[in-house]
């Protein structure tokens, strides 16, 4: 379980083909402190299990399904990823509950700075995903807990302060890029409960 409050970024060291998938190695810097084999760390919001540790470089084995269903399949050497270690009991929850189970990829349709200095990020989700998005609701984009702004069809926007852009992988994003989306779990459970009661 995560909160969507990105702790920092890591840089992809390399990717190696392995049987059934890809091994990815990420330099996590000081975020690697106290990490142990088997720990869960979210990369762009996707929960991965640490399979190797070499100084500050952490290794993960990704299945083909993970590469297909998330933007981790677009990573290359030198790519920056958002990192968040799993939530510990007693930690503050500054964002919202995020599972690290990506619902799918979405596309950036607009990413620009406003006169105020803040940024607006517009996202288009696959058709059907809009039913989980409401104004002022929670959503995780590449693992970042954000508040939904305007919703129009299967597009919505969020406002990004300069600090968030600077300290996350959003600094590398541009229109047309794919981002990982995790919808609010409360919306998904509510839909399931309502459909099963009919």
N, C-alpha and C. Protein backbone atom coordinates (compact mmCIF):
# COMPACT_ATOMS: atom_id res chain seq x y z
N UNK A 1 0.84 -1.19 0.00
CA UNK A 1 0.00 0.00 0.00
C UNK A 1 0.88 1.24 0.00
N UNK A 2 0.44 2.25 -0.75
CA UNK A 2 1.20 3.49 -0.89
C UNK A 2 0.25 4.68 -0.66
N UNK A 3 0.82 5.89 -0.69
CA UNK A 3 -0.01 7.08 -0.47
C UNK A 3 -0.02 8.02 -1.67
N UNK A 4 0.83 7.76 -2.66
CA UNK A 4 0.91 8.66 -3.80
C UNK A 4 1.75 9.90 -3.53
N UNK A 5 2.47 9.91 -2.41
CA UNK A 5 3.40 11.00 -2.14
C UNK A 5 4.79 10.51 -2.54
N UNK A 6 5.21 10.90 -3.74
CA UNK A 6 6.48 10.43 -4.29
C UNK A 6 7.63 10.90 -3.41
N UNK A 7 8.51 9.95 -3.04
CA UNK A 7 9.62 10.29 -2.15
C UNK A 7 10.81 10.84 -2.91
N UNK A 8 10.90 10.51 -4.16
CA UNK A 8 12.02 10.96 -4.97
C UNK A 8 12.00 10.25 -6.31
N UNK A 9 13.06 10.42 -7.06
CA UNK A 9 13.15 9.75 -8.36
C UNK A 9 14.38 8.87 -8.40
N UNK A 10 14.33 7.90 -9.29
CA UNK A 10 15.47 7.04 -9.56
C UNK A 10 15.77 7.08 -11.04
N UNK A 11 16.95 6.61 -11.40
CA UNK A 11 17.35 6.61 -12.81
C UNK A 11 17.64 5.18 -13.25
N UNK A 12 17.08 4.80 -14.38
CA UNK A 12 17.27 3.45 -14.90
C UNK A 12 18.74 3.27 -15.30
N UNK A 13 19.37 2.24 -14.74
CA UNK A 13 20.77 1.93 -15.06
C UNK A 13 20.83 1.10 -16.33
N UNK A 14 20.03 0.05 -16.38
CA UNK A 14 19.96 -0.77 -17.59
C UNK A 14 18.76 -1.70 -17.51
N UNK A 15 18.45 -2.31 -18.65
CA UNK A 15 17.39 -3.29 -18.76
C UNK A 15 17.96 -4.52 -19.45
N UNK A 16 17.66 -5.70 -18.91
CA UNK A 16 18.20 -6.94 -19.45
C UNK A 16 17.05 -7.91 -19.70
N UNK A 17 17.05 -8.53 -20.87
CA UNK A 17 16.04 -9.53 -21.18
C UNK A 17 16.30 -10.78 -20.35
N UNK A 18 15.25 -11.28 -19.70
CA UNK A 18 15.33 -12.53 -18.95
C UNK A 18 14.17 -13.41 -19.39
N UNK A 19 14.18 -14.65 -19.00
CA UNK A 19 13.10 -15.55 -19.40
C UNK A 19 11.77 -15.04 -18.85
N UNK A 20 10.83 -14.79 -19.75
CA UNK A 20 9.50 -14.36 -19.35
C UNK A 20 9.34 -12.88 -19.09
N UNK A 21 10.41 -12.10 -19.31
CA UNK A 21 10.26 -10.67 -19.05
C UNK A 21 11.56 -9.90 -19.15
N UNK A 22 11.69 -8.90 -18.29
CA UNK A 22 12.85 -8.01 -18.32
C UNK A 22 13.31 -7.70 -16.90
N UNK A 23 14.61 -7.71 -16.70
CA UNK A 23 15.17 -7.26 -15.42
C UNK A 23 15.57 -5.80 -15.59
N UNK A 24 15.07 -4.99 -14.68
CA UNK A 24 15.38 -3.56 -14.71
C UNK A 24 16.16 -3.21 -13.46
N UNK A 25 17.23 -2.41 -13.64
CA UNK A 25 18.03 -1.95 -12.51
C UNK A 25 17.91 -0.44 -12.42
N UNK A 26 17.61 0.03 -11.22
CA UNK A 26 17.35 1.45 -10.98
C UNK A 26 18.24 1.96 -9.86
N UNK A 27 18.94 3.06 -10.11
CA UNK A 27 19.71 3.71 -9.05
C UNK A 27 18.75 4.57 -8.25
N UNK A 28 18.46 4.14 -7.03
CA UNK A 28 17.49 4.82 -6.17
C UNK A 28 18.13 5.82 -5.23
N UNK A 29 19.44 5.98 -5.30
CA UNK A 29 20.12 6.94 -4.42
C UNK A 29 19.88 6.62 -2.96
N UNK A 30 19.63 7.66 -2.17
CA UNK A 30 19.45 7.47 -0.72
C UNK A 30 18.15 6.74 -0.38
N UNK A 31 17.22 6.64 -1.34
CA UNK A 31 15.98 5.90 -1.07
C UNK A 31 16.25 4.40 -0.94
N UNK A 32 17.45 3.97 -1.34
CA UNK A 32 17.80 2.56 -1.20
C UNK A 32 18.21 2.20 0.23
N UNK A 33 18.41 3.22 1.06
CA UNK A 33 18.81 2.97 2.46
C UNK A 33 17.78 2.09 3.15
N UNK A 34 18.24 1.06 3.79
CA UNK A 34 17.41 0.15 4.59
C UNK A 34 16.46 -0.71 3.75
N UNK A 35 16.54 -0.63 2.42
CA UNK A 35 15.72 -1.50 1.58
C UNK A 35 16.25 -2.92 1.66
N UNK A 36 15.34 -3.88 1.72
CA UNK A 36 15.72 -5.29 1.81
C UNK A 36 15.11 -6.05 0.64
N UNK A 37 15.69 -7.21 0.33
CA UNK A 37 15.14 -8.07 -0.71
C UNK A 37 13.69 -8.39 -0.39
N UNK A 38 12.83 -8.31 -1.39
CA UNK A 38 11.41 -8.60 -1.20
C UNK A 38 10.56 -7.40 -0.86
N UNK A 39 11.21 -6.24 -0.60
CA UNK A 39 10.44 -5.03 -0.31
C UNK A 39 9.66 -4.58 -1.54
N UNK A 40 8.56 -3.88 -1.31
CA UNK A 40 7.75 -3.32 -2.40
C UNK A 40 8.05 -1.84 -2.55
N UNK A 41 8.34 -1.45 -3.78
CA UNK A 41 8.59 -0.04 -4.10
C UNK A 41 7.82 0.29 -5.36
N UNK A 42 7.07 1.40 -5.31
CA UNK A 42 6.30 1.82 -6.48
C UNK A 42 7.21 2.59 -7.44
N UNK A 43 7.16 2.20 -8.72
CA UNK A 43 7.88 2.88 -9.79
C UNK A 43 6.85 3.43 -10.76
N UNK A 44 6.76 4.75 -10.86
CA UNK A 44 5.69 5.38 -11.64
C UNK A 44 4.33 4.82 -11.23
N UNK A 45 4.21 4.53 -9.93
CA UNK A 45 2.95 4.05 -9.39
C UNK A 45 2.76 2.56 -9.44
N UNK A 46 3.64 1.83 -10.13
CA UNK A 46 3.50 0.38 -10.27
C UNK A 46 4.31 -0.32 -9.18
N UNK A 47 3.66 -1.14 -8.38
CA UNK A 47 4.31 -1.85 -7.28
C UNK A 47 5.24 -2.93 -7.82
N UNK A 48 6.53 -2.83 -7.49
CA UNK A 48 7.52 -3.81 -7.90
C UNK A 48 8.22 -4.38 -6.68
N UNK A 49 8.71 -5.61 -6.81
CA UNK A 49 9.38 -6.30 -5.71
C UNK A 49 10.89 -6.29 -5.94
N UNK A 50 11.63 -5.84 -4.93
CA UNK A 50 13.08 -5.79 -5.03
C UNK A 50 13.64 -7.21 -5.09
N UNK A 51 14.38 -7.50 -6.18
CA UNK A 51 14.95 -8.84 -6.35
C UNK A 51 16.47 -8.84 -6.25
N UNK A 52 17.07 -7.65 -6.18
CA UNK A 52 18.52 -7.56 -6.04
C UNK A 52 18.93 -6.19 -5.55
N UNK A 53 20.02 -6.15 -4.79
CA UNK A 53 20.53 -4.89 -4.25
C UNK A 53 22.04 -4.86 -4.44
N UNK A 54 22.53 -3.78 -5.06
CA UNK A 54 23.96 -3.57 -5.21
C UNK A 54 24.25 -2.10 -4.95
N UNK A 55 24.71 -1.82 -3.73
CA UNK A 55 24.89 -0.44 -3.27
C UNK A 55 23.54 0.29 -3.38
N UNK A 56 23.45 1.35 -4.20
CA UNK A 56 22.19 2.09 -4.31
C UNK A 56 21.34 1.63 -5.49
N UNK A 57 21.82 0.62 -6.20
CA UNK A 57 21.11 0.11 -7.38
C UNK A 57 20.22 -1.07 -6.99
N UNK A 58 18.92 -0.94 -7.29
CA UNK A 58 17.94 -1.97 -6.96
C UNK A 58 17.47 -2.66 -8.25
N UNK A 59 17.30 -3.98 -8.18
CA UNK A 59 16.87 -4.75 -9.34
C UNK A 59 15.45 -5.25 -9.16
N UNK A 60 14.73 -5.36 -10.29
CA UNK A 60 13.35 -5.86 -10.30
C UNK A 60 13.16 -6.71 -11.55
N UNK A 61 12.40 -7.78 -11.42
CA UNK A 61 12.07 -8.63 -12.57
C UNK A 61 10.63 -8.35 -12.98
N UNK A 62 10.45 -7.84 -14.20
CA UNK A 62 9.13 -7.44 -14.68
C UNK A 62 8.61 -8.46 -15.68
N UNK A 63 7.36 -8.88 -15.49
CA UNK A 63 6.71 -9.77 -16.42
C UNK A 63 6.33 -9.01 -17.69
N UNK A 64 6.14 -9.75 -18.78
CA UNK A 64 5.73 -9.12 -20.03
C UNK A 64 4.40 -8.37 -19.86
N UNK A 65 3.50 -8.90 -19.03
CA UNK A 65 2.21 -8.25 -18.80
C UNK A 65 2.40 -6.88 -18.16
N UNK A 66 3.34 -6.77 -17.22
CA UNK A 66 3.62 -5.48 -16.59
C UNK A 66 4.15 -4.48 -17.61
N UNK A 67 5.04 -4.95 -18.47
CA UNK A 67 5.60 -4.07 -19.50
C UNK A 67 4.53 -3.62 -20.48
N UNK A 68 3.58 -4.51 -20.80
CA UNK A 68 2.53 -4.18 -21.75
C UNK A 68 1.51 -3.22 -21.16
N UNK A 69 1.14 -3.44 -19.90
CA UNK A 69 0.03 -2.72 -19.29
C UNK A 69 0.42 -1.40 -18.64
N UNK A 70 1.71 -1.11 -18.54
CA UNK A 70 2.16 0.13 -17.89
C UNK A 70 3.18 0.84 -18.77
N UNK A 71 3.52 2.06 -18.39
CA UNK A 71 4.53 2.78 -19.17
C UNK A 71 5.95 2.35 -18.81
N UNK A 72 6.09 1.35 -17.93
CA UNK A 72 7.42 0.82 -17.65
C UNK A 72 8.00 0.14 -18.89
N UNK A 73 7.12 -0.27 -19.80
CA UNK A 73 7.58 -0.86 -21.05
C UNK A 73 8.26 0.15 -21.96
N UNK A 74 8.12 1.45 -21.66
CA UNK A 74 8.74 2.50 -22.47
C UNK A 74 10.09 2.95 -21.91
N UNK A 75 10.48 2.37 -20.76
CA UNK A 75 11.71 2.83 -20.13
C UNK A 75 12.93 2.42 -20.94
N UNK A 76 13.97 3.24 -20.81
CA UNK A 76 15.25 2.93 -21.43
C UNK A 76 16.34 3.40 -20.47
N UNK A 77 17.56 3.07 -20.78
CA UNK A 77 18.67 3.48 -19.93
C UNK A 77 18.67 5.00 -19.78
N UNK A 78 18.72 5.46 -18.53
CA UNK A 78 18.73 6.89 -18.25
C UNK A 78 17.37 7.48 -17.93
N UNK A 79 16.29 6.71 -18.17
CA UNK A 79 14.95 7.21 -17.85
C UNK A 79 14.82 7.47 -16.36
N UNK A 80 14.01 8.49 -16.03
CA UNK A 80 13.73 8.81 -14.63
C UNK A 80 12.38 8.22 -14.25
N UNK A 81 12.31 7.62 -13.06
CA UNK A 81 11.05 7.05 -12.56
C UNK A 81 10.75 7.62 -11.18
N UNK A 82 9.45 7.78 -10.90
CA UNK A 82 9.02 8.20 -9.57
C UNK A 82 9.12 7.01 -8.62
N UNK A 83 9.59 7.25 -7.41
CA UNK A 83 9.76 6.19 -6.43
C UNK A 83 9.00 6.50 -5.14
N UNK A 84 8.36 5.47 -4.60
CA UNK A 84 7.76 5.56 -3.27
C UNK A 84 7.85 4.20 -2.61
N UNK A 85 8.44 4.19 -1.42
CA UNK A 85 8.48 2.95 -0.65
C UNK A 85 7.11 2.69 -0.05
N UNK A 86 6.83 1.42 0.26
CA UNK A 86 5.51 1.07 0.77
C UNK A 86 5.25 1.73 2.12
N UNK A 87 3.99 1.94 2.39
CA UNK A 87 3.54 2.60 3.61
C UNK A 87 3.82 1.74 4.84
N UNK A 88 4.35 2.35 5.87
CA UNK A 88 4.57 1.66 7.14
C UNK A 88 3.48 2.07 8.12
N UNK A 89 3.09 1.15 8.99
CA UNK A 89 2.07 1.46 9.99
C UNK A 89 2.52 2.66 10.83
N UNK A 90 1.63 3.62 10.97
CA UNK A 90 1.94 4.81 11.75
C UNK A 90 2.44 5.98 10.92
N UNK A 91 2.71 5.74 9.61
CA UNK A 91 3.14 6.84 8.75
C UNK A 91 2.00 7.81 8.50
N UNK A 92 2.35 9.07 8.24
CA UNK A 92 1.34 10.03 7.81
C UNK A 92 0.89 9.67 6.40
N UNK A 93 -0.38 9.91 6.13
CA UNK A 93 -0.92 9.67 4.79
C UNK A 93 -1.23 11.03 4.19
N UNK A 94 -0.30 11.54 3.40
CA UNK A 94 -0.47 12.88 2.85
C UNK A 94 -1.26 12.91 1.56
N UNK A 95 -1.40 11.75 0.90
CA UNK A 95 -2.13 11.70 -0.36
C UNK A 95 -3.43 10.95 -0.17
N UNK A 96 -3.55 9.78 -0.84
CA UNK A 96 -4.69 8.90 -0.64
C UNK A 96 -4.20 7.47 -0.78
N UNK A 97 -5.02 6.51 -0.40
CA UNK A 97 -4.59 5.12 -0.47
C UNK A 97 -4.41 4.69 -1.93
N UNK A 98 -3.21 4.24 -2.25
CA UNK A 98 -2.85 3.80 -3.59
C UNK A 98 -2.30 2.38 -3.47
N UNK A 99 -2.80 1.47 -4.30
CA UNK A 99 -2.38 0.07 -4.16
C UNK A 99 -1.12 -0.26 -4.94
N UNK A 100 -0.82 0.52 -5.97
CA UNK A 100 0.30 0.18 -6.82
C UNK A 100 -0.08 -0.79 -7.93
N UNK A 101 -1.39 -1.05 -8.06
CA UNK A 101 -1.91 -1.92 -9.12
C UNK A 101 -2.49 -1.02 -10.21
N UNK A 102 -1.74 -0.83 -11.27
CA UNK A 102 -2.09 0.12 -12.32
C UNK A 102 -3.34 -0.34 -13.07
N UNK A 103 -4.28 0.59 -13.27
CA UNK A 103 -5.51 0.27 -14.03
C UNK A 103 -5.27 0.33 -15.53
N UNK A 104 -4.26 1.07 -15.95
CA UNK A 104 -3.95 1.14 -17.37
C UNK A 104 -3.13 2.36 -17.69
N UNK A 105 -2.86 2.51 -18.97
CA UNK A 105 -2.10 3.66 -19.44
C UNK A 105 -3.07 4.71 -19.98
N UNK A 106 -2.71 5.96 -19.80
CA UNK A 106 -3.47 7.09 -20.34
C UNK A 106 -2.50 7.97 -21.11
N UNK A 107 -3.03 8.93 -21.85
CA UNK A 107 -2.19 9.77 -22.69
C UNK A 107 -2.27 11.23 -22.27
N UNK A 108 -1.13 11.88 -22.23
CA UNK A 108 -1.09 13.32 -21.97
C UNK A 108 -1.52 14.06 -23.23
N UNK A 109 -2.57 14.86 -23.13
CA UNK A 109 -3.04 15.63 -24.28
C UNK A 109 -2.64 17.11 -24.19
N UNK A 110 -2.32 17.57 -22.99
CA UNK A 110 -1.89 18.96 -22.80
C UNK A 110 -1.03 19.02 -21.56
N UNK A 111 0.09 19.75 -21.65
CA UNK A 111 1.01 19.88 -20.52
C UNK A 111 1.70 21.22 -20.68
N UNK A 112 1.15 22.23 -19.99
CA UNK A 112 1.68 23.57 -20.20
C UNK A 112 1.65 24.38 -18.91
N UNK A 113 2.47 25.42 -18.90
CA UNK A 113 2.54 26.31 -17.75
C UNK A 113 1.60 27.47 -17.95
N UNK A 114 0.87 27.81 -16.88
CA UNK A 114 -0.05 28.93 -16.90
C UNK A 114 0.69 30.22 -16.51
N UNK A 115 0.03 31.35 -16.70
CA UNK A 115 0.63 32.64 -16.34
C UNK A 115 0.94 32.72 -14.85
N UNK A 116 0.18 31.98 -14.05
CA UNK A 116 0.38 31.98 -12.59
C UNK A 116 1.68 31.30 -12.19
N UNK A 117 2.24 30.51 -13.11
CA UNK A 117 3.44 29.74 -12.79
C UNK A 117 3.14 28.27 -12.55
N UNK A 118 1.89 27.97 -12.22
CA UNK A 118 1.48 26.58 -12.05
C UNK A 118 1.34 25.93 -13.43
N UNK A 119 1.22 24.63 -13.42
CA UNK A 119 1.08 23.87 -14.67
C UNK A 119 -0.28 23.19 -14.72
N UNK A 120 -0.79 23.01 -15.92
CA UNK A 120 -2.01 22.21 -16.09
C UNK A 120 -1.64 20.99 -16.93
N UNK A 121 -2.10 19.85 -16.46
CA UNK A 121 -1.85 18.57 -17.11
C UNK A 121 -3.19 17.98 -17.49
N UNK A 122 -3.41 17.77 -18.80
CA UNK A 122 -4.66 17.17 -19.25
C UNK A 122 -4.38 15.75 -19.71
N UNK A 123 -5.24 14.85 -19.26
CA UNK A 123 -5.06 13.41 -19.50
C UNK A 123 -6.29 12.85 -20.19
N UNK A 124 -6.07 11.97 -21.15
CA UNK A 124 -7.16 11.23 -21.78
C UNK A 124 -7.05 9.76 -21.38
N UNK A 125 -8.09 9.24 -20.73
CA UNK A 125 -8.08 7.85 -20.30
C UNK A 125 -8.83 7.01 -21.34
N UNK A 126 -8.55 5.71 -21.39
CA UNK A 126 -9.31 4.85 -22.31
C UNK A 126 -10.80 4.95 -22.02
N UNK A 127 -11.63 4.85 -23.07
CA UNK A 127 -13.07 4.95 -22.90
C UNK A 127 -13.56 3.96 -21.84
N UNK A 128 -14.41 4.44 -20.97
CA UNK A 128 -14.92 3.64 -19.85
C UNK A 128 -14.28 4.03 -18.53
N UNK A 129 -13.04 4.51 -18.61
CA UNK A 129 -12.34 4.90 -17.38
C UNK A 129 -12.89 6.16 -16.76
N UNK A 130 -13.59 6.97 -17.58
CA UNK A 130 -14.09 8.25 -17.06
C UNK A 130 -15.12 8.07 -15.96
N UNK A 131 -15.73 6.89 -15.86
CA UNK A 131 -16.75 6.68 -14.82
C UNK A 131 -16.15 6.70 -13.42
N UNK A 132 -14.84 6.56 -13.31
CA UNK A 132 -14.18 6.59 -12.00
C UNK A 132 -13.64 7.96 -11.64
N UNK A 133 -13.83 8.94 -12.52
CA UNK A 133 -13.21 10.26 -12.33
C UNK A 133 -14.27 11.30 -12.04
N UNK A 134 -14.13 12.00 -10.92
CA UNK A 134 -15.06 13.07 -10.56
C UNK A 134 -14.26 14.30 -10.15
N UNK A 135 -14.80 15.50 -10.42
CA UNK A 135 -14.10 16.71 -9.99
C UNK A 135 -13.82 16.69 -8.49
N UNK A 136 -12.63 17.07 -8.12
CA UNK A 136 -12.14 17.11 -6.74
C UNK A 136 -11.90 15.72 -6.15
N UNK A 137 -12.01 14.69 -7.00
CA UNK A 137 -11.71 13.33 -6.56
C UNK A 137 -10.22 13.06 -6.61
N UNK A 138 -9.83 11.88 -6.13
CA UNK A 138 -8.42 11.48 -6.12
C UNK A 138 -8.08 10.63 -7.33
N UNK A 139 -6.87 10.78 -7.81
CA UNK A 139 -6.36 9.92 -8.87
C UNK A 139 -4.84 9.88 -8.74
N UNK A 140 -4.25 8.75 -9.12
CA UNK A 140 -2.79 8.63 -9.10
C UNK A 140 -2.30 8.59 -10.54
N UNK A 141 -1.41 9.53 -10.88
CA UNK A 141 -0.81 9.61 -12.21
C UNK A 141 0.69 9.35 -12.04
N UNK A 142 1.16 8.27 -12.65
CA UNK A 142 2.56 7.85 -12.47
C UNK A 142 2.91 7.79 -10.98
N UNK A 143 1.94 7.37 -10.18
CA UNK A 143 2.17 7.19 -8.75
C UNK A 143 2.04 8.44 -7.92
N UNK A 144 1.68 9.57 -8.54
CA UNK A 144 1.54 10.83 -7.81
C UNK A 144 0.07 11.03 -7.45
N UNK A 145 -0.22 11.20 -6.17
CA UNK A 145 -1.58 11.47 -5.73
C UNK A 145 -1.95 12.90 -6.11
N UNK A 146 -3.01 13.02 -6.95
CA UNK A 146 -3.42 14.34 -7.43
C UNK A 146 -4.92 14.50 -7.31
N UNK A 147 -5.35 15.75 -7.32
CA UNK A 147 -6.77 16.08 -7.24
C UNK A 147 -7.30 16.43 -8.62
N UNK A 148 -8.37 15.77 -9.02
CA UNK A 148 -8.97 16.00 -10.33
C UNK A 148 -9.56 17.40 -10.39
N UNK A 149 -9.35 18.08 -11.52
CA UNK A 149 -9.94 19.39 -11.75
C UNK A 149 -11.19 19.25 -12.59
N UNK A 150 -11.12 19.68 -13.83
CA UNK A 150 -12.25 19.64 -14.75
C UNK A 150 -12.31 18.27 -15.44
N UNK A 151 -13.54 17.77 -15.63
CA UNK A 151 -13.75 16.50 -16.33
C UNK A 151 -14.65 16.74 -17.53
N UNK A 152 -14.19 16.33 -18.71
CA UNK A 152 -14.99 16.44 -19.93
C UNK A 152 -14.86 15.13 -20.71
N UNK A 153 -15.92 14.33 -20.70
CA UNK A 153 -15.86 13.03 -21.37
C UNK A 153 -14.81 12.16 -20.73
N UNK A 154 -13.90 11.62 -21.55
CA UNK A 154 -12.84 10.78 -20.99
C UNK A 154 -11.52 11.55 -20.83
N UNK A 155 -11.66 12.89 -20.76
CA UNK A 155 -10.50 13.73 -20.47
C UNK A 155 -10.70 14.48 -19.16
N UNK A 156 -9.61 14.70 -18.46
CA UNK A 156 -9.67 15.49 -17.22
C UNK A 156 -8.35 16.22 -17.07
N UNK A 157 -8.35 17.21 -16.20
CA UNK A 157 -7.10 17.90 -15.95
C UNK A 157 -6.79 17.93 -14.47
N UNK A 158 -5.52 18.14 -14.16
CA UNK A 158 -5.06 18.34 -12.79
C UNK A 158 -4.12 19.53 -12.83
N UNK A 159 -4.01 20.21 -11.69
CA UNK A 159 -3.09 21.33 -11.58
C UNK A 159 -1.85 20.85 -10.86
N UNK A 160 -0.70 21.26 -11.38
CA UNK A 160 0.59 20.82 -10.84
C UNK A 160 1.39 22.05 -10.39
N UNK A 161 1.82 22.06 -9.14
CA UNK A 161 2.66 23.16 -8.69
C UNK A 161 4.09 22.93 -9.21
N UNK A 162 4.85 24.00 -9.40
CA UNK A 162 6.22 23.85 -9.93
C UNK A 162 7.07 22.85 -9.14
N UNK A 163 6.93 22.82 -7.81
CA UNK A 163 7.73 21.90 -6.99
C UNK A 163 7.48 20.45 -7.40
N UNK A 164 6.21 20.08 -7.59
CA UNK A 164 5.88 18.70 -7.97
C UNK A 164 6.48 18.36 -9.32
N UNK A 165 6.41 19.30 -10.25
CA UNK A 165 6.99 19.06 -11.57
C UNK A 165 8.49 18.86 -11.46
N UNK A 166 9.15 19.65 -10.64
CA UNK A 166 10.60 19.61 -10.56
C UNK A 166 11.14 18.35 -9.90
N UNK A 167 10.41 17.81 -8.90
CA UNK A 167 10.95 16.69 -8.11
C UNK A 167 10.39 15.33 -8.52
N UNK A 168 9.63 15.28 -9.61
CA UNK A 168 9.09 14.01 -10.08
C UNK A 168 9.44 13.82 -11.56
N UNK A 169 9.10 12.66 -12.08
CA UNK A 169 9.36 12.35 -13.50
C UNK A 169 8.50 13.19 -14.43
N UNK A 170 7.55 13.97 -13.89
CA UNK A 170 6.77 14.87 -14.74
C UNK A 170 7.66 15.88 -15.45
N UNK A 171 8.85 16.12 -14.90
CA UNK A 171 9.78 17.06 -15.53
C UNK A 171 10.20 16.60 -16.91
N UNK A 172 10.07 15.30 -17.19
CA UNK A 172 10.46 14.75 -18.49
C UNK A 172 9.27 14.51 -19.41
N UNK A 173 8.06 14.69 -18.91
CA UNK A 173 6.87 14.35 -19.69
C UNK A 173 6.52 15.46 -20.68
N UNK A 174 5.85 15.06 -21.76
CA UNK A 174 5.34 16.00 -22.74
C UNK A 174 4.08 15.44 -23.37
N UNK A 175 3.36 16.29 -24.08
CA UNK A 175 2.13 15.85 -24.72
C UNK A 175 2.40 14.65 -25.62
N UNK A 176 1.51 13.66 -25.53
CA UNK A 176 1.66 12.43 -26.30
C UNK A 176 2.25 11.29 -25.51
N UNK A 177 2.90 11.59 -24.37
CA UNK A 177 3.49 10.54 -23.55
C UNK A 177 2.42 9.73 -22.83
N UNK A 178 2.75 8.49 -22.53
CA UNK A 178 1.87 7.62 -21.76
C UNK A 178 2.20 7.75 -20.28
N UNK A 179 1.15 7.79 -19.46
CA UNK A 179 1.31 7.79 -18.00
C UNK A 179 0.50 6.65 -17.42
N UNK A 180 0.94 6.17 -16.26
CA UNK A 180 0.19 5.13 -15.55
C UNK A 180 -0.93 5.76 -14.74
N UNK A 181 -2.09 5.12 -14.79
CA UNK A 181 -3.25 5.64 -14.06
C UNK A 181 -3.72 4.58 -13.06
N UNK A 182 -3.95 5.02 -11.84
CA UNK A 182 -4.67 4.18 -10.87
C UNK A 182 -5.85 4.99 -10.35
N UNK A 183 -7.06 4.51 -10.66
CA UNK A 183 -8.26 5.18 -10.20
C UNK A 183 -8.45 4.96 -8.71
N UNK A 184 -9.26 5.81 -8.10
CA UNK A 184 -9.56 5.71 -6.68
C UNK A 184 -10.23 4.37 -6.38
N UNK A 185 -9.65 3.61 -5.47
CA UNK A 185 -10.18 2.28 -5.17
C UNK A 185 -11.59 2.34 -4.60
N UNK A 186 -11.96 3.42 -3.92
CA UNK A 186 -13.31 3.53 -3.38
C UNK A 186 -14.35 3.52 -4.50
N UNK A 187 -14.02 4.19 -5.61
CA UNK A 187 -14.93 4.23 -6.75
C UNK A 187 -15.11 2.84 -7.34
N UNK A 188 -14.02 2.09 -7.43
CA UNK A 188 -14.09 0.75 -8.02
C UNK A 188 -14.87 -0.21 -7.12
N UNK A 189 -14.64 -0.14 -5.82
CA UNK A 189 -15.39 -1.01 -4.90
C UNK A 189 -16.87 -0.65 -4.88
N UNK A 190 -17.17 0.65 -4.93
CA UNK A 190 -18.57 1.08 -4.94
C UNK A 190 -19.28 0.54 -6.17
N UNK A 191 -18.62 0.64 -7.33
CA UNK A 191 -19.21 0.11 -8.56
C UNK A 191 -19.47 -1.38 -8.44
N UNK A 192 -18.53 -2.12 -7.89
CA UNK A 192 -18.68 -3.57 -7.73
C UNK A 192 -19.82 -3.91 -6.81
N UNK A 193 -19.92 -3.21 -5.70
CA UNK A 193 -21.00 -3.47 -4.73
C UNK A 193 -22.36 -3.17 -5.33
N UNK A 194 -22.46 -2.05 -6.06
CA UNK A 194 -23.73 -1.68 -6.65
C UNK A 194 -24.16 -2.66 -7.75
N UNK A 195 -23.20 -3.12 -8.53
CA UNK A 195 -23.53 -4.04 -9.62
C UNK A 195 -23.91 -5.42 -9.09
N UNK A 196 -23.31 -5.83 -7.97
CA UNK A 196 -23.61 -7.15 -7.43
C UNK A 196 -24.93 -7.18 -6.65
N UNK A 197 -25.47 -5.98 -6.31
CA UNK A 197 -26.71 -5.93 -5.55
C UNK A 197 -27.93 -5.92 -6.45
N UNK A 198 -27.72 -5.86 -7.78
CA UNK A 198 -28.86 -5.81 -8.70
C UNK A 198 -29.45 -7.19 -8.90
